[in-house]
């Protein structure tokens, strides 16, 4: 939600279109086939570049709506543990704000891979109410973003 809005505000419809084309190309082909490896690599790298700022903005908004700027250093440290240069930022912010341990060891194609936990001291046994907490945090973030999008528009229309 944040990245498309960011690129729309920065570049209008062309900015949004470039972002969505790149993001979709990365999602659909990425590095998946040898035939499309070079194009997929380029789409994945460009998607990383286009999401660099929005990912960090998302994390900062999460800390802001939660009144938890004291967690910034821990979020920055744990974001670096993620294999994605961008996904780790909102993931680490959510994990620290809600005190969840996320990521960690997981299975890919039947092989167990030992990825580090984000917020390793957080709660590891998550229950349905934890999902509700995460969704509530996302709604708060979306509310702030919506307000930030509407206020300038309303001011423009009024003046």
C-alpha atoms as a PDB file:
ATOM      1  CA  UNK A   1       0.000   0.000   0.000  1.00  0.00           C
ATOM      2  CA  UNK A   2       2.739   2.460   0.945  1.00  0.00           C
ATOM      3  CA  UNK A   3       5.043   1.947  -2.044  1.00  0.00           C
ATOM      4  CA  UNK A   4       2.396   2.477  -4.767  1.00  0.00           C
ATOM      5  CA  UNK A   5       1.149   5.600  -2.988  1.00  0.00           C
ATOM      6  CA  UNK A   6       4.710   6.863  -2.584  1.00  0.00           C
ATOM      7  CA  UNK A   7       5.395   6.498  -6.297  1.00  0.00           C
ATOM      8  CA  UNK A   8       2.020   8.007  -7.209  1.00  0.00           C
ATOM      9  CA  UNK A   9       2.750  11.098  -5.113  1.00  0.00           C
ATOM     10  CA  UNK A  10       6.279  11.338  -6.454  1.00  0.00           C
ATOM     11  CA  UNK A  11       5.576  10.672 -10.134  1.00  0.00           C
ATOM     12  CA  UNK A  12       1.823  10.762 -10.644  1.00  0.00           C
ATOM     13  CA  UNK A  13       0.265   8.040 -12.778  1.00  0.00           C
ATOM     14  CA  UNK A  14       3.514   7.400 -14.711  1.00  0.00           C
ATOM     15  CA  UNK A  15       5.354   6.859 -11.403  1.00  0.00           C
ATOM     16  CA  UNK A  16       2.662   4.488 -10.188  1.00  0.00           C
ATOM     17  CA  UNK A  17       2.635   2.629 -13.516  1.00  0.00           C
ATOM     18  CA  UNK A  18       6.433   2.183 -13.548  1.00  0.00           C
ATOM     19  CA  UNK A  19       6.348   0.943  -9.969  1.00  0.00           C
ATOM     20  CA  UNK A  20       3.519  -1.550 -10.573  1.00  0.00           C
ATOM     21  CA  UNK A  21       5.036  -2.890 -13.803  1.00  0.00           C
ATOM     22  CA  UNK A  22       8.367  -3.441 -12.069  1.00  0.00           C
ATOM     23  CA  UNK A  23       6.792  -4.952  -8.969  1.00  0.00           C
ATOM     24  CA  UNK A  24       4.633  -7.291 -11.041  1.00  0.00           C
ATOM     25  CA  UNK A  25       7.567  -8.333 -13.229  1.00  0.00           C
ATOM     26  CA  UNK A  26       9.579  -9.175 -10.121  1.00  0.00           C
ATOM     27  CA  UNK A  27       6.684 -11.160  -8.632  1.00  0.00           C
ATOM     28  CA  UNK A  28       5.959 -13.075 -11.812  1.00  0.00           C
ATOM     29  CA  UNK A  29       9.381 -13.871 -13.193  1.00  0.00           C
ATOM     30  CA  UNK A  30      12.034 -12.762 -10.705  1.00  0.00           C
ATOM     31  CA  UNK A  31      14.728 -15.425 -10.905  1.00  0.00           C
ATOM     32  CA  UNK A  32      12.345 -18.292 -11.572  1.00  0.00           C
ATOM     33  CA  UNK A  33      13.393 -19.612 -14.970  1.00  0.00           C
ATOM     34  CA  UNK A  34      16.706 -19.845 -16.815  1.00  0.00           C
ATOM     35  CA  UNK A  35      15.035 -18.435 -19.928  1.00  0.00           C
ATOM     36  CA  UNK A  36      14.085 -15.218 -18.133  1.00  0.00           C
ATOM     37  CA  UNK A  37      16.987 -15.095 -15.665  1.00  0.00           C
ATOM     38  CA  UNK A  38      18.538 -11.850 -16.923  1.00  0.00           C
ATOM     39  CA  UNK A  39      15.220 -10.031 -17.260  1.00  0.00           C
ATOM     40  CA  UNK A  40      14.075 -11.448 -13.918  1.00  0.00           C
ATOM     41  CA  UNK A  41      17.310 -10.329 -12.280  1.00  0.00           C
ATOM     42  CA  UNK A  42      16.842  -6.801 -13.627  1.00  0.00           C
ATOM     43  CA  UNK A  43      13.197  -6.696 -12.510  1.00  0.00           C
ATOM     44  CA  UNK A  44      14.152  -7.914  -9.017  1.00  0.00           C
ATOM     45  CA  UNK A  45      16.958  -5.357  -8.638  1.00  0.00           C
ATOM     46  CA  UNK A  46      14.830  -2.474  -9.926  1.00  0.00           C
ATOM     47  CA  UNK A  47      12.037  -3.539  -7.567  1.00  0.00           C
ATOM     48  CA  UNK A  48      14.554  -3.439  -4.704  1.00  0.00           C
ATOM     49  CA  UNK A  49      15.554   0.100  -5.693  1.00  0.00           C
ATOM     50  CA  UNK A  50      11.944   1.296  -6.019  1.00  0.00           C
ATOM     51  CA  UNK A  51      10.979  -0.175  -2.628  1.00  0.00           C
ATOM     52  CA  UNK A  52      14.019   1.096  -0.710  1.00  0.00           C
ATOM     53  CA  UNK A  53      12.436   4.328   0.572  1.00  0.00           C
ATOM     54  CA  UNK A  54       8.829   3.075   0.968  1.00  0.00           C
ATOM     55  CA  UNK A  55       9.948   0.088   3.085  1.00  0.00           C
ATOM     56  CA  UNK A  56      11.715   2.371   5.520  1.00  0.00           C
ATOM     57  CA  UNK A  57       8.820   4.828   5.559  1.00  0.00           C
ATOM     58  CA  UNK A  58       6.480   1.950   6.428  1.00  0.00           C
ATOM     59  CA  UNK A  59       8.661   0.948   9.372  1.00  0.00           C
ATOM     60  CA  UNK A  60       8.843   4.551  10.586  1.00  0.00           C
ATOM     61  CA  UNK A  61       5.067   4.920  10.384  1.00  0.00           C
ATOM     62  CA  UNK A  62       4.650   1.697  12.394  1.00  0.00           C
ATOM     63  CA  UNK A  63       6.925   3.065  15.107  1.00  0.00           C
ATOM     64  CA  UNK A  64       5.136   6.416  15.034  1.00  0.00           C
ATOM     65  CA  UNK A  65       1.570   5.104  15.350  1.00  0.00           C
ATOM     66  CA  UNK A  66       2.729   2.852  18.186  1.00  0.00           C
ATOM     67  CA  UNK A  67       4.643   5.614  19.988  1.00  0.00           C
ATOM     68  CA  UNK A  68       7.683   3.296  20.008  1.00  0.00           C
ATOM     69  CA  UNK A  69      10.576   5.311  18.561  1.00  0.00           C
ATOM     70  CA  UNK A  70      12.690   3.744  21.307  1.00  0.00           C
ATOM     71  CA  UNK A  71      12.720   0.594  19.138  1.00  0.00           C
ATOM     72  CA  UNK A  72      14.338   2.255  16.112  1.00  0.00           C
ATOM     73  CA  UNK A  73      17.852   0.923  16.703  1.00  0.00           C
ATOM     74  CA  UNK A  74      16.596  -2.626  17.265  1.00  0.00           C
ATOM     75  CA  UNK A  75      14.455  -2.405  14.118  1.00  0.00           C
ATOM     76  CA  UNK A  76      17.455  -1.220  12.120  1.00  0.00           C
ATOM     77  CA  UNK A  77      19.603  -4.074  13.447  1.00  0.00           C
ATOM     78  CA  UNK A  78      16.989  -6.751  12.779  1.00  0.00           C
ATOM     79  CA  UNK A  79      16.042  -5.369   9.354  1.00  0.00           C
ATOM     80  CA  UNK A  80      19.602  -6.124   8.265  1.00  0.00           C
ATOM     81  CA  UNK A  81      19.081  -9.828   9.138  1.00  0.00           C
ATOM     82  CA  UNK A  82      16.494 -10.245   6.381  1.00  0.00           C
ATOM     83  CA  UNK A  83      17.604 -11.577   3.018  1.00  0.00           C
ATOM     84  CA  UNK A  84      15.589  -8.811   1.336  1.00  0.00           C
ATOM     85  CA  UNK A  85      17.024  -5.292   1.529  1.00  0.00           C
ATOM     86  CA  UNK A  86      13.501  -3.955   2.066  1.00  0.00           C
ATOM     87  CA  UNK A  87      11.110  -6.536   3.521  1.00  0.00           C
ATOM     88  CA  UNK A  88      13.065  -6.660   6.757  1.00  0.00           C
ATOM     89  CA  UNK A  89      12.151  -3.079   7.675  1.00  0.00           C
ATOM     90  CA  UNK A  90       8.382  -3.393   8.113  1.00  0.00           C
ATOM     91  CA  UNK A  91       8.806  -6.976   9.328  1.00  0.00           C
ATOM     92  CA  UNK A  92      11.252  -5.889  12.052  1.00  0.00           C
ATOM     93  CA  UNK A  93       9.082  -2.921  13.030  1.00  0.00           C
ATOM     94  CA  UNK A  94       6.006  -5.131  13.389  1.00  0.00           C
ATOM     95  CA  UNK A  95       7.947  -7.778  15.314  1.00  0.00           C
ATOM     96  CA  UNK A  96       9.366  -5.289  17.788  1.00  0.00           C
ATOM     97  CA  UNK A  97       6.246  -3.166  18.243  1.00  0.00           C
ATOM     98  CA  UNK A  98       4.121  -6.247  18.958  1.00  0.00           C
ATOM     99  CA  UNK A  99       6.944  -8.228  20.610  1.00  0.00           C
ATOM    100  CA  UNK A 100       6.710 -11.162  18.193  1.00  0.00           C
ATOM    101  CA  UNK A 101       9.600 -13.348  17.053  1.00  0.00           C
ATOM    102  CA  UNK A 102       9.155 -13.796  13.301  1.00  0.00           C
ATOM    103  CA  UNK A 103      11.035 -15.407  10.430  1.00  0.00           C
ATOM    104  CA  UNK A 104      13.540 -17.916  11.782  1.00  0.00           C
ATOM    105  CA  UNK A 105      14.015 -21.468  10.515  1.00  0.00           C
ATOM    106  CA  UNK A 106      11.662 -22.535   7.715  1.00  0.00           C
ATOM    107  CA  UNK A 107      11.229 -25.119   5.030  1.00  0.00           C
ATOM    108  CA  UNK A 108      11.737 -24.430   1.330  1.00  0.00           C
ATOM    109  CA  UNK A 109      11.057 -27.290  -1.076  1.00  0.00           C
ATOM    110  CA  UNK A 110      11.354 -29.774   1.784  1.00  0.00           C
ATOM    111  CA  UNK A 111      14.718 -28.449   3.017  1.00  0.00           C
ATOM    112  CA  UNK A 112      14.946 -26.807   6.443  1.00  0.00           C
ATOM    113  CA  UNK A 113      16.860 -23.543   6.243  1.00  0.00           C
ATOM    114  CA  UNK A 114      18.183 -21.869   9.371  1.00  0.00           C
ATOM    115  CA  UNK A 115      17.277 -18.195   8.942  1.00  0.00           C
ATOM    116  CA  UNK A 116      17.714 -15.919  11.966  1.00  0.00           C
ATOM    117  CA  UNK A 117      14.726 -14.759  13.971  1.00  0.00           C
ATOM    118  CA  UNK A 118      13.664 -11.136  13.806  1.00  0.00           C
ATOM    119  CA  UNK A 119      13.206 -10.065  17.437  1.00  0.00           C
ATOM    120  CA  UNK A 120      14.451 -13.429  18.737  1.00  0.00           C
ATOM    121  CA  UNK A 121      13.360 -12.679  22.313  1.00  0.00           C
ATOM    122  CA  UNK A 122       9.765 -12.013  21.267  1.00  0.00           C
ATOM    123  CA  UNK A 123       6.788 -14.346  21.510  1.00  0.00           C
ATOM    124  CA  UNK A 124       7.287 -17.405  19.279  1.00  0.00           C
ATOM    125  CA  UNK A 125       4.008 -19.216  19.881  1.00  0.00           C
ATOM    126  CA  UNK A 126       1.555 -16.875  18.177  1.00  0.00           C
ATOM    127  CA  UNK A 127      -2.197 -17.190  18.658  1.00  0.00           C
ATOM    128  CA  UNK A 128      -5.175 -15.771  16.728  1.00  0.00           C
ATOM    129  CA  UNK A 129      -5.300 -12.655  18.920  1.00  0.00           C
ATOM    130  CA  UNK A 130      -1.742 -11.855  17.812  1.00  0.00           C
ATOM    131  CA  UNK A 131      -2.964 -11.731  14.217  1.00  0.00           C
ATOM    132  CA  UNK A 132      -5.660  -9.291  15.341  1.00  0.00           C
ATOM    133  CA  UNK A 133      -2.957  -7.105  16.918  1.00  0.00           C
ATOM    134  CA  UNK A 134      -0.936  -7.131  13.699  1.00  0.00           C
ATOM    135  CA  UNK A 135      -3.996  -6.271  11.611  1.00  0.00           C
ATOM    136  CA  UNK A 136      -4.849  -3.414  13.985  1.00  0.00           C
ATOM    137  CA  UNK A 137      -1.335  -2.026  13.584  1.00  0.00           C
ATOM    138  CA  UNK A 138      -1.710  -2.195   9.805  1.00  0.00           C
ATOM    139  CA  UNK A 139      -5.039  -0.360   9.988  1.00  0.00           C
ATOM    140  CA  UNK A 140      -3.391   2.389  12.025  1.00  0.00           C
ATOM    141  CA  UNK A 141      -0.621   2.707   9.445  1.00  0.00           C
ATOM    142  CA  UNK A 142      -3.130   2.820   6.589  1.00  0.00           C
ATOM    143  CA  UNK A 143      -5.184   5.425   8.471  1.00  0.00           C
ATOM    144  CA  UNK A 144      -2.161   7.698   8.854  1.00  0.00           C
ATOM    145  CA  UNK A 145      -1.250   7.268   5.198  1.00  0.00           C
ATOM    146  CA  UNK A 146      -4.828   7.960   4.110  1.00  0.00           C
ATOM    147  CA  UNK A 147      -4.917  11.105   6.249  1.00  0.00           C
ATOM    148  CA  UNK A 148      -1.592  12.245   4.787  1.00  0.00           C
ATOM    149  CA  UNK A 149      -2.994  11.684   1.297  1.00  0.00           C
ATOM    150  CA  UNK A 150      -6.340  13.387   1.910  1.00  0.00           C
ATOM    151  CA  UNK A 151      -5.243  16.493   3.833  1.00  0.00           C
ATOM    152  CA  UNK A 152      -3.216  18.023   0.974  1.00  0.00           C
ATOM    153  CA  UNK A 153      -5.984  17.152  -1.465  1.00  0.00           C
ATOM    154  CA  UNK A 154      -8.627  18.801   0.709  1.00  0.00           C
ATOM    155  CA  UNK A 155      -6.444  21.873   1.226  1.00  0.00           C
ATOM    156  CA  UNK A 156      -5.898  22.098  -2.528  1.00  0.00           C
ATOM    157  CA  UNK A 157      -9.644  21.904  -3.166  1.00  0.00           C
ATOM    158  CA  UNK A 158     -10.455  24.484  -0.491  1.00  0.00           C
ATOM    159  CA  UNK A 159      -7.858  27.033  -1.543  1.00  0.00           C
END
